[in-house]
PDB file of N, CA and C in Angstrom:
ATOM      1  N   UNK A   1    -107.903  16.036 -31.918  1.00  0.00           N
ATOM      2  CA  UNK A   1    -106.607  15.433 -31.712  1.00  0.00           C
ATOM      3  C   UNK A   1    -106.351  14.255 -32.639  1.00  0.00           C
ATOM      4  N   UNK A   2    -107.150  14.117 -33.656  1.00  0.00           N
ATOM      5  CA  UNK A   2    -106.878  13.068 -34.641  1.00  0.00           C
ATOM      6  C   UNK A   2    -105.623  13.388 -35.446  1.00  0.00           C
ATOM      7  N   UNK A   3    -105.502  14.648 -35.821  1.00  0.00           N
ATOM      8  CA  UNK A   3    -104.330  15.042 -36.601  1.00  0.00           C
ATOM      9  C   UNK A   3    -103.356  15.783 -35.688  1.00  0.00           C
ATOM     10  N   UNK A   4    -102.199  15.182 -35.438  1.00  0.00           N
ATOM     11  CA  UNK A   4    -101.189  15.830 -34.601  1.00  0.00           C
ATOM     12  C   UNK A   4    -100.265  16.655 -35.487  1.00  0.00           C
ATOM     13  N   UNK A   5    -100.054  17.902 -35.084  1.00  0.00           N
ATOM     14  CA  UNK A   5     -99.162  18.761 -35.853  1.00  0.00           C
ATOM     15  C   UNK A   5     -97.713  18.363 -35.597  1.00  0.00           C
ATOM     16  N   UNK A   6     -96.877  18.641 -36.574  1.00  0.00           N
ATOM     17  CA  UNK A   6     -95.448  18.369 -36.406  1.00  0.00           C
ATOM     18  C   UNK A   6     -94.899  19.271 -35.308  1.00  0.00           C
ATOM     19  N   UNK A   7     -93.945  18.747 -34.559  1.00  0.00           N
ATOM     20  CA  UNK A   7     -93.303  19.570 -33.538  1.00  0.00           C
ATOM     21  C   UNK A   7     -92.268  20.465 -34.205  1.00  0.00           C
ATOM     22  N   UNK A   8     -92.159  21.671 -33.682  1.00  0.00           N
ATOM     23  CA  UNK A   8     -91.153  22.587 -34.198  1.00  0.00           C
ATOM     24  C   UNK A   8     -89.802  22.286 -33.580  1.00  0.00           C
ATOM     25  N   UNK A   9     -88.745  22.648 -34.293  1.00  0.00           N
ATOM     26  CA  UNK A   9     -87.403  22.473 -33.739  1.00  0.00           C
ATOM     27  C   UNK A   9     -86.960  23.791 -33.112  1.00  0.00           C
ATOM     28  N   UNK A  10     -86.300  23.679 -31.975  1.00  0.00           N
ATOM     29  CA  UNK A  10     -85.820  24.871 -31.278  1.00  0.00           C
ATOM     30  C   UNK A  10     -84.624  25.443 -32.027  1.00  0.00           C
ATOM     31  N   UNK A  11     -84.492  26.764 -32.068  1.00  0.00           N
ATOM     32  CA  UNK A  11     -83.318  27.352 -32.711  1.00  0.00           C
ATOM     33  C   UNK A  11     -82.051  26.965 -31.959  1.00  0.00           C
ATOM     34  N   UNK A  12     -80.977  26.765 -32.714  1.00  0.00           N
ATOM     35  CA  UNK A  12     -79.715  26.326 -32.116  1.00  0.00           C
ATOM     36  C   UNK A  12     -78.646  27.396 -32.281  1.00  0.00           C
ATOM     37  N   UNK A  13     -77.675  27.344 -31.389  1.00  0.00           N
ATOM     38  CA  UNK A  13     -76.542  28.266 -31.433  1.00  0.00           C
ATOM     39  C   UNK A  13     -75.727  27.985 -32.698  1.00  0.00           C
ATOM     40  N   UNK A  14     -75.299  29.033 -33.376  1.00  0.00           N
ATOM     41  CA  UNK A  14     -74.520  28.868 -34.595  1.00  0.00           C
ATOM     42  C   UNK A  14     -73.112  28.378 -34.348  1.00  0.00           C
ATOM     43  N   UNK A  15     -72.583  28.580 -33.149  1.00  0.00           N
ATOM     44  CA  UNK A  15     -71.217  28.158 -32.846  1.00  0.00           C
ATOM     45  C   UNK A  15     -71.170  26.746 -32.271  1.00  0.00           C
ATOM     46  N   UNK A  16     -71.900  26.516 -31.172  1.00  0.00           N
ATOM     47  CA  UNK A  16     -71.780  25.233 -30.468  1.00  0.00           C
ATOM     48  C   UNK A  16     -72.925  24.270 -30.761  1.00  0.00           C
ATOM     49  N   UNK A  17     -74.028  24.752 -31.311  1.00  0.00           N
ATOM     50  CA  UNK A  17     -75.129  23.864 -31.674  1.00  0.00           C
ATOM     51  C   UNK A  17     -76.109  23.544 -30.565  1.00  0.00           C
ATOM     52  N   UNK A  18     -75.969  24.173 -29.398  1.00  0.00           N
ATOM     53  CA  UNK A  18     -76.910  23.920 -28.302  1.00  0.00           C
ATOM     54  C   UNK A  18     -78.194  24.722 -28.519  1.00  0.00           C
ATOM     55  N   UNK A  19     -79.276  24.287 -27.883  1.00  0.00           N
ATOM     56  CA  UNK A  19     -80.552  24.988 -28.024  1.00  0.00           C
ATOM     57  C   UNK A  19     -80.466  26.358 -27.363  1.00  0.00           C
ATOM     58  N   UNK A  20     -81.107  27.346 -27.977  1.00  0.00           N
ATOM     59  CA  UNK A  20     -81.094  28.697 -27.422  1.00  0.00           C
ATOM     60  C   UNK A  20     -82.176  28.824 -26.356  1.00  0.00           C
ATOM     61  N   UNK A  21     -81.777  29.268 -25.176  1.00  0.00           N
ATOM     62  CA  UNK A  21     -82.721  29.436 -24.075  1.00  0.00           C
ATOM     63  C   UNK A  21     -83.574  30.672 -24.311  1.00  0.00           C
ATOM     64  N   UNK A  22     -84.844  30.591 -23.926  1.00  0.00           N
ATOM     65  CA  UNK A  22     -85.731  31.743 -24.002  1.00  0.00           C
ATOM     66  C   UNK A  22     -86.438  31.916 -25.330  1.00  0.00           C
ATOM     67  N   UNK A  23     -86.204  31.010 -26.272  1.00  0.00           N
ATOM     68  CA  UNK A  23     -86.861  31.100 -27.573  1.00  0.00           C
ATOM     69  C   UNK A  23     -87.656  29.817 -27.794  1.00  0.00           C
ATOM     70  N   UNK A  24     -88.957  29.925 -28.071  1.00  0.00           N
ATOM     71  CA  UNK A  24     -89.784  28.723 -28.193  1.00  0.00           C
ATOM     72  C   UNK A  24     -89.478  27.926 -29.462  1.00  0.00           C
ATOM     73  N   UNK A  25     -89.752  26.625 -29.400  1.00  0.00           N
ATOM     74  CA  UNK A  25     -89.585  25.750 -30.562  1.00  0.00           C
ATOM     75  C   UNK A  25     -90.900  25.721 -31.325  1.00  0.00           C
ATOM     76  N   UNK A  26     -90.948  26.384 -32.465  1.00  0.00           N
ATOM     77  CA  UNK A  26     -92.178  26.491 -33.248  1.00  0.00           C
ATOM     78  C   UNK A  26     -91.921  26.106 -34.701  1.00  0.00           C
ATOM     79  N   UNK A  27     -93.021  25.955 -35.438  1.00  0.00           N
ATOM     80  CA  UNK A  27     -92.942  25.739 -36.877  1.00  0.00           C
ATOM     81  C   UNK A  27     -92.741  27.104 -37.554  1.00  0.00           C
ATOM     82  N   UNK A  28     -92.217  27.122 -38.772  1.00  0.00           N
ATOM     83  CA  UNK A  28     -91.935  28.401 -39.442  1.00  0.00           C
ATOM     84  C   UNK A  28     -93.142  29.338 -39.523  1.00  0.00           C
ATOM     85  N   UNK A  29     -94.303  28.792 -39.806  1.00  0.00           N
ATOM     86  CA  UNK A  29     -95.510  29.632 -39.914  1.00  0.00           C
ATOM     87  C   UNK A  29     -95.808  30.300 -38.569  1.00  0.00           C
ATOM     88  N   UNK A  30     -95.643  29.546 -37.482  1.00  0.00           N
ATOM     89  CA  UNK A  30     -95.914  30.102 -36.149  1.00  0.00           C
ATOM     90  C   UNK A  30     -94.915  31.205 -35.807  1.00  0.00           C
ATOM     91  N   UNK A  31     -93.654  31.047 -36.238  1.00  0.00           N
ATOM     92  CA  UNK A  31     -92.664  32.099 -35.998  1.00  0.00           C
ATOM     93  C   UNK A  31     -93.079  33.392 -36.682  1.00  0.00           C
ATOM     94  N   UNK A  32     -93.661  33.274 -37.863  1.00  0.00           N
ATOM     95  CA  UNK A  32     -94.052  34.482 -38.585  1.00  0.00           C
ATOM     96  C   UNK A  32     -95.223  35.179 -37.899  1.00  0.00           C
ATOM     97  N   UNK A  33     -95.973  34.453 -37.090  1.00  0.00           N
ATOM     98  CA  UNK A  33     -97.157  35.032 -36.460  1.00  0.00           C
ATOM     99  C   UNK A  33     -96.901  35.577 -35.055  1.00  0.00           C
ATOM    100  N   UNK A  34     -95.767  35.223 -34.416  1.00  0.00           N
ATOM    101  CA  UNK A  34     -95.503  35.767 -33.079  1.00  0.00           C
ATOM    102  C   UNK A  34     -94.691  37.056 -33.200  1.00  0.00           C
ATOM    103  N   UNK A  35     -94.725  37.858 -32.140  1.00  0.00           N
ATOM    104  CA  UNK A  35     -94.057  39.159 -32.174  1.00  0.00           C
ATOM    105  C   UNK A  35     -92.541  39.004 -32.040  1.00  0.00           C
ATOM    106  N   UNK A  36     -91.831  40.028 -32.460  1.00  0.00           N
ATOM    107  CA  UNK A  36     -90.367  40.002 -32.483  1.00  0.00           C
ATOM    108  C   UNK A  36     -89.731  39.736 -31.107  1.00  0.00           C
ATOM    109  N   UNK A  37     -90.202  40.364 -30.018  1.00  0.00           N
ATOM    110  CA  UNK A  37     -89.567  40.111 -28.722  1.00  0.00           C
ATOM    111  C   UNK A  37     -89.619  38.644 -28.284  1.00  0.00           C
ATOM    112  N   UNK A  38     -90.594  37.900 -28.787  1.00  0.00           N
ATOM    113  CA  UNK A  38     -90.690  36.486 -28.422  1.00  0.00           C
ATOM    114  C   UNK A  38     -89.739  35.611 -29.237  1.00  0.00           C
ATOM    115  N   UNK A  39     -89.129  36.192 -30.279  1.00  0.00           N
ATOM    116  CA  UNK A  39     -88.216  35.426 -31.131  1.00  0.00           C
ATOM    117  C   UNK A  39     -86.749  35.644 -30.772  1.00  0.00           C
ATOM    118  N   UNK A  40     -86.460  36.628 -29.925  1.00  0.00           N
ATOM    119  CA  UNK A  40     -85.069  36.943 -29.598  1.00  0.00           C
ATOM    120  C   UNK A  40     -84.906  37.107 -28.095  1.00  0.00           C
ATOM    121  N   UNK A  41     -83.658  37.286 -27.675  1.00  0.00           N
ATOM    122  CA  UNK A  41     -83.369  37.665 -26.292  1.00  0.00           C
ATOM    123  C   UNK A  41     -82.577  38.969 -26.334  1.00  0.00           C
ATOM    124  N   UNK A  42     -82.673  39.764 -25.279  1.00  0.00           N
ATOM    125  CA  UNK A  42     -82.048  41.083 -25.246  1.00  0.00           C
ATOM    126  C   UNK A  42     -80.562  40.977 -24.925  1.00  0.00           C
ATOM    127  N   UNK A  43     -79.782  40.713 -25.978  1.00  0.00           N
ATOM    128  CA  UNK A  43     -78.340  40.572 -25.810  1.00  0.00           C
ATOM    129  C   UNK A  43     -77.730  40.675 -27.206  1.00  0.00           C
ATOM    130  N   UNK A  44     -76.455  40.976 -27.267  1.00  0.00           N
ATOM    131  CA  UNK A  44     -75.772  40.942 -28.558  1.00  0.00           C
ATOM    132  C   UNK A  44     -75.852  39.523 -29.095  1.00  0.00           C
ATOM    133  N   UNK A  45     -76.049  39.369 -30.384  1.00  0.00           N
ATOM    134  CA  UNK A  45     -76.247  38.052 -31.014  1.00  0.00           C
ATOM    135  C   UNK A  45     -77.448  37.345 -30.401  1.00  0.00           C
ATOM    136  N   UNK A  46     -78.509  38.088 -30.072  1.00  0.00           N
ATOM    137  CA  UNK A  46     -79.661  37.573 -29.341  1.00  0.00           C
ATOM    138  C   UNK A  46     -80.271  36.286 -29.812  1.00  0.00           C
ATOM    139  N   UNK A  47     -80.700  36.182 -31.054  1.00  0.00           N
ATOM    140  CA  UNK A  47     -81.401  34.980 -31.480  1.00  0.00           C
ATOM    141  C   UNK A  47     -80.543  33.986 -32.212  1.00  0.00           C
ATOM    142  N   UNK A  48     -79.216  34.197 -32.258  1.00  0.00           N
ATOM    143  CA  UNK A  48     -78.389  33.294 -33.054  1.00  0.00           C
ATOM    144  C   UNK A  48     -77.256  32.624 -32.292  1.00  0.00           C
ATOM    145  N   UNK A  49     -76.817  33.198 -31.164  1.00  0.00           N
ATOM    146  CA  UNK A  49     -75.718  32.598 -30.396  1.00  0.00           C
ATOM    147  C   UNK A  49     -76.129  32.471 -28.934  1.00  0.00           C
ATOM    148  N   UNK A  50     -75.638  31.424 -28.256  1.00  0.00           N
ATOM    149  CA  UNK A  50     -75.965  31.236 -26.839  1.00  0.00           C
ATOM    150  C   UNK A  50     -75.090  32.167 -25.986  1.00  0.00           C
ATOM    151  N   UNK A  51     -75.444  32.319 -24.729  1.00  0.00           N
ATOM    152  CA  UNK A  51     -74.757  33.261 -23.839  1.00  0.00           C
ATOM    153  C   UNK A  51     -73.287  32.900 -23.662  1.00  0.00           C
ATOM    154  N   UNK A  52     -72.986  31.605 -23.551  1.00  0.00           N
ATOM    155  CA  UNK A  52     -71.594  31.189 -23.352  1.00  0.00           C
ATOM    156  C   UNK A  52     -70.726  31.539 -24.556  1.00  0.00           C
ATOM    157  N   UNK A  53     -71.256  31.343 -25.750  1.00  0.00           N
ATOM    158  CA  UNK A  53     -70.490  31.657 -26.958  1.00  0.00           C
ATOM    159  C   UNK A  53     -70.274  33.163 -27.092  1.00  0.00           C
ATOM    160  N   UNK A  54     -71.282  33.959 -26.729  1.00  0.00           N
ATOM    161  CA  UNK A  54     -71.132  35.416 -26.777  1.00  0.00           C
ATOM    162  C   UNK A  54     -70.060  35.853 -25.784  1.00  0.00           C
ATOM    163  N   UNK A  55     -70.088  35.258 -24.594  1.00  0.00           N
ATOM    164  CA  UNK A  55     -69.083  35.589 -23.577  1.00  0.00           C
ATOM    165  C   UNK A  55     -67.680  35.246 -24.086  1.00  0.00           C
ATOM    166  N   UNK A  56     -67.541  34.077 -24.707  1.00  0.00           N
ATOM    167  CA  UNK A  56     -66.243  33.675 -25.254  1.00  0.00           C
ATOM    168  C   UNK A  56     -65.772  34.644 -26.330  1.00  0.00           C
ATOM    169  N   UNK A  57     -66.698  35.102 -27.172  1.00  0.00           N
ATOM    170  CA  UNK A  57     -66.341  36.052 -28.228  1.00  0.00           C
ATOM    171  C   UNK A  57     -65.842  37.367 -27.642  1.00  0.00           C
ATOM    172  N   UNK A  58     -66.529  37.842 -26.597  1.00  0.00           N
ATOM    173  CA  UNK A  58     -66.138  39.105 -25.964  1.00  0.00           C
ATOM    174  C   UNK A  58     -64.748  38.974 -25.350  1.00  0.00           C
ATOM    175  N   UNK A  59     -64.519  37.880 -24.630  1.00  0.00           N
ATOM    176  CA  UNK A  59     -63.217  37.662 -23.986  1.00  0.00           C
ATOM    177  C   UNK A  59     -62.124  37.543 -25.045  1.00  0.00           C
ATOM    178  N   UNK A  60     -62.408  36.803 -26.119  1.00  0.00           N
ATOM    179  CA  UNK A  60     -61.414  36.623 -27.186  1.00  0.00           C
ATOM    180  C   UNK A  60     -61.045  37.962 -27.814  1.00  0.00           C
ATOM    181  N   UNK A  61     -62.057  38.787 -28.102  1.00  0.00           N
ATOM    182  CA  UNK A  61     -61.805  40.098 -28.707  1.00  0.00           C
ATOM    183  C   UNK A  61     -60.968  40.970 -27.773  1.00  0.00           C
ATOM    184  N   UNK A  62     -61.279  40.920 -26.480  1.00  0.00           N
ATOM    185  CA  UNK A  62     -60.532  41.710 -25.496  1.00  0.00           C
ATOM    186  C   UNK A  62     -59.071  41.268 -25.451  1.00  0.00           C
ATOM    187  N   UNK A  63     -58.842  39.950 -25.402  1.00  0.00           N
ATOM    188  CA  UNK A  63     -57.474  39.442 -25.312  1.00  0.00           C
ATOM    189  C   UNK A  63     -56.673  39.766 -26.574  1.00  0.00           C
ATOM    190  N   UNK A  64     -57.316  39.720 -27.727  1.00  0.00           N
ATOM    191  CA  UNK A  64     -56.624  40.065 -28.974  1.00  0.00           C
ATOM    192  C   UNK A  64     -56.196  41.528 -28.952  1.00  0.00           C
ATOM    193  N   UNK A  65     -57.086  42.407 -28.482  1.00  0.00           N
ATOM    194  CA  UNK A  65     -56.743  43.831 -28.389  1.00  0.00           C
ATOM    195  C   UNK A  65     -55.596  44.052 -27.407  1.00  0.00           C
ATOM    196  N   UNK A  66     -55.640  43.361 -26.276  1.00  0.00           N
ATOM    197  CA  UNK A  66     -54.564  43.484 -25.285  1.00  0.00           C
ATOM    198  C   UNK A  66     -53.236  43.012 -25.874  1.00  0.00           C
ATOM    199  N   UNK A  67     -53.291  41.933 -26.645  1.00  0.00           N
ATOM    200  CA  UNK A  67     -52.082  41.393 -27.258  1.00  0.00           C
ATOM    201  C   UNK A  67     -51.478  42.400 -28.238  1.00  0.00           C
ATOM    202  N   UNK A  68     -52.326  43.095 -28.993  1.00  0.00           N
ATOM    203  CA  UNK A  68     -51.846  44.116 -29.924  1.00  0.00           C
ATOM    204  C   UNK A  68     -51.121  45.226 -29.174  1.00  0.00           C
ATOM    205  N   UNK A  69     -51.701  45.646 -28.034  1.00  0.00           N
ATOM    206  CA  UNK A  69     -51.094  46.718 -27.233  1.00  0.00           C
ATOM    207  C   UNK A  69     -49.733  46.276 -26.703  1.00  0.00           C
ATOM    208  N   UNK A  70     -49.662  45.037 -26.212  1.00  0.00           N
ATOM    209  CA  UNK A  70     -48.395  44.513 -25.677  1.00  0.00           C
ATOM    210  C   UNK A  70     -47.339  44.467 -26.773  1.00  0.00           C
ATOM    211  N   UNK A  71     -47.704  44.004 -27.967  1.00  0.00           N
ATOM    212  CA  UNK A  71     -46.752  43.951 -29.078  1.00  0.00           C
ATOM    213  C   UNK A  71     -46.224  45.341 -29.405  1.00  0.00           C
ATOM    214  N   UNK A  72     -47.133  46.328 -29.394  1.00  0.00           N
ATOM    215  CA  UNK A  72     -46.753  47.703 -29.706  1.00  0.00           C
ATOM    216  C   UNK A  72     -45.753  48.228 -28.674  1.00  0.00           C
ATOM    217  N   UNK A  73     -46.027  47.983 -27.396  1.00  0.00           N
ATOM    218  CA  UNK A  73     -45.145  48.441 -26.313  1.00  0.00           C
ATOM    219  C   UNK A  73     -43.783  47.767 -26.419  1.00  0.00           C
ATOM    220  N   UNK A  74     -43.780  46.457 -26.692  1.00  0.00           N
ATOM    221  CA  UNK A  74     -42.515  45.725 -26.811  1.00  0.00           C
ATOM    222  C   UNK A  74     -41.682  46.271 -27.971  1.00  0.00           C
ATOM    223  N   UNK A  75     -42.336  46.602 -29.069  1.00  0.00           N
ATOM    224  CA  UNK A  75     -41.639  47.152 -30.229  1.00  0.00           C
ATOM    225  C   UNK A  75     -41.002  48.496 -29.891  1.00  0.00           C
ATOM    226  N   UNK A  76     -41.740  49.340 -29.155  1.00  0.00           N
ATOM    227  CA  UNK A  76     -41.215  50.648 -28.753  1.00  0.00           C
ATOM    228  C   UNK A  76     -40.015  50.493 -27.826  1.00  0.00           C
ATOM    229  N   UNK A  77     -40.091  49.553 -26.882  1.00  0.00           N
ATOM    230  CA  UNK A  77     -38.971  49.317 -25.962  1.00  0.00           C
ATOM    231  C   UNK A  77     -37.742  48.823 -26.723  1.00  0.00           C
ATOM    232  N   UNK A  78     -37.970  47.962 -27.701  1.00  0.00           N
ATOM    233  CA  UNK A  78     -36.866  47.437 -28.503  1.00  0.00           C
ATOM    234  C   UNK A  78     -36.192  48.559 -29.286  1.00  0.00           C
ATOM    235  N   UNK A  79     -37.008  49.469 -29.827  1.00  0.00           N
ATOM    236  CA  UNK A  79     -36.488  50.621 -30.562  1.00  0.00           C
ATOM    237  C   UNK A  79     -35.639  51.502 -29.646  1.00  0.00           C
ATOM    238  N   UNK A  80     -36.142  51.716 -28.417  1.00  0.00           N
ATOM    239  CA  UNK A  80     -35.429  52.548 -27.443  1.00  0.00           C
ATOM    240  C   UNK A  80     -34.063  51.955 -27.128  1.00  0.00           C
ATOM    241  N   UNK A  81     -34.019  50.634 -26.916  1.00  0.00           N
ATOM    242  CA  UNK A  81     -32.756  49.968 -26.574  1.00  0.00           C
ATOM    243  C   UNK A  81     -31.760  50.061 -27.728  1.00  0.00           C
ATOM    244  N   UNK A  82     -32.225  49.870 -28.954  1.00  0.00           N
ATOM    245  CA  UNK A  82     -31.333  49.957 -30.116  1.00  0.00           C
ATOM    246  C   UNK A  82     -30.844  51.390 -30.315  1.00  0.00           C
ATOM    247  N   UNK A  83     -31.722  52.363 -30.107  1.00  0.00           N
ATOM    248  CA  UNK A  83     -31.367  53.771 -30.278  1.00  0.00           C
ATOM    249  C   UNK A  83     -30.424  54.256 -29.185  1.00  0.00           C
ATOM    250  N   UNK A  84     -30.530  53.718 -27.982  1.00  0.00           N
ATOM    251  CA  UNK A  84     -29.725  54.143 -26.838  1.00  0.00           C
ATOM    252  C   UNK A  84     -28.286  53.688 -26.916  1.00  0.00           C
ATOM    253  N   UNK A  85     -28.000  52.612 -27.639  1.00  0.00           N
ATOM    254  CA  UNK A  85     -26.630  52.071 -27.713  1.00  0.00           C
ATOM    255  C   UNK A  85     -25.752  52.815 -28.641  1.00  0.00           C
TER     256      UNK A  85
END
């Protein structure tokens, strides 16, 4: 214990910057020596984004798709009204 090794930094979320849960804070050499399942979590964007940010991305994508559908329906209704007169 005369020579203390440097502490590793925990991986952080790319969006919000918070520490990623379930992934150990190691030095680069130690990361290369541990197995892949210990470096990630079983989720989309596993080792790079936190759960809250992934949830926000999913909700945002869903709402954007819904908005596109609504715009399309509104356009069709507008066409119908103009054509009916």
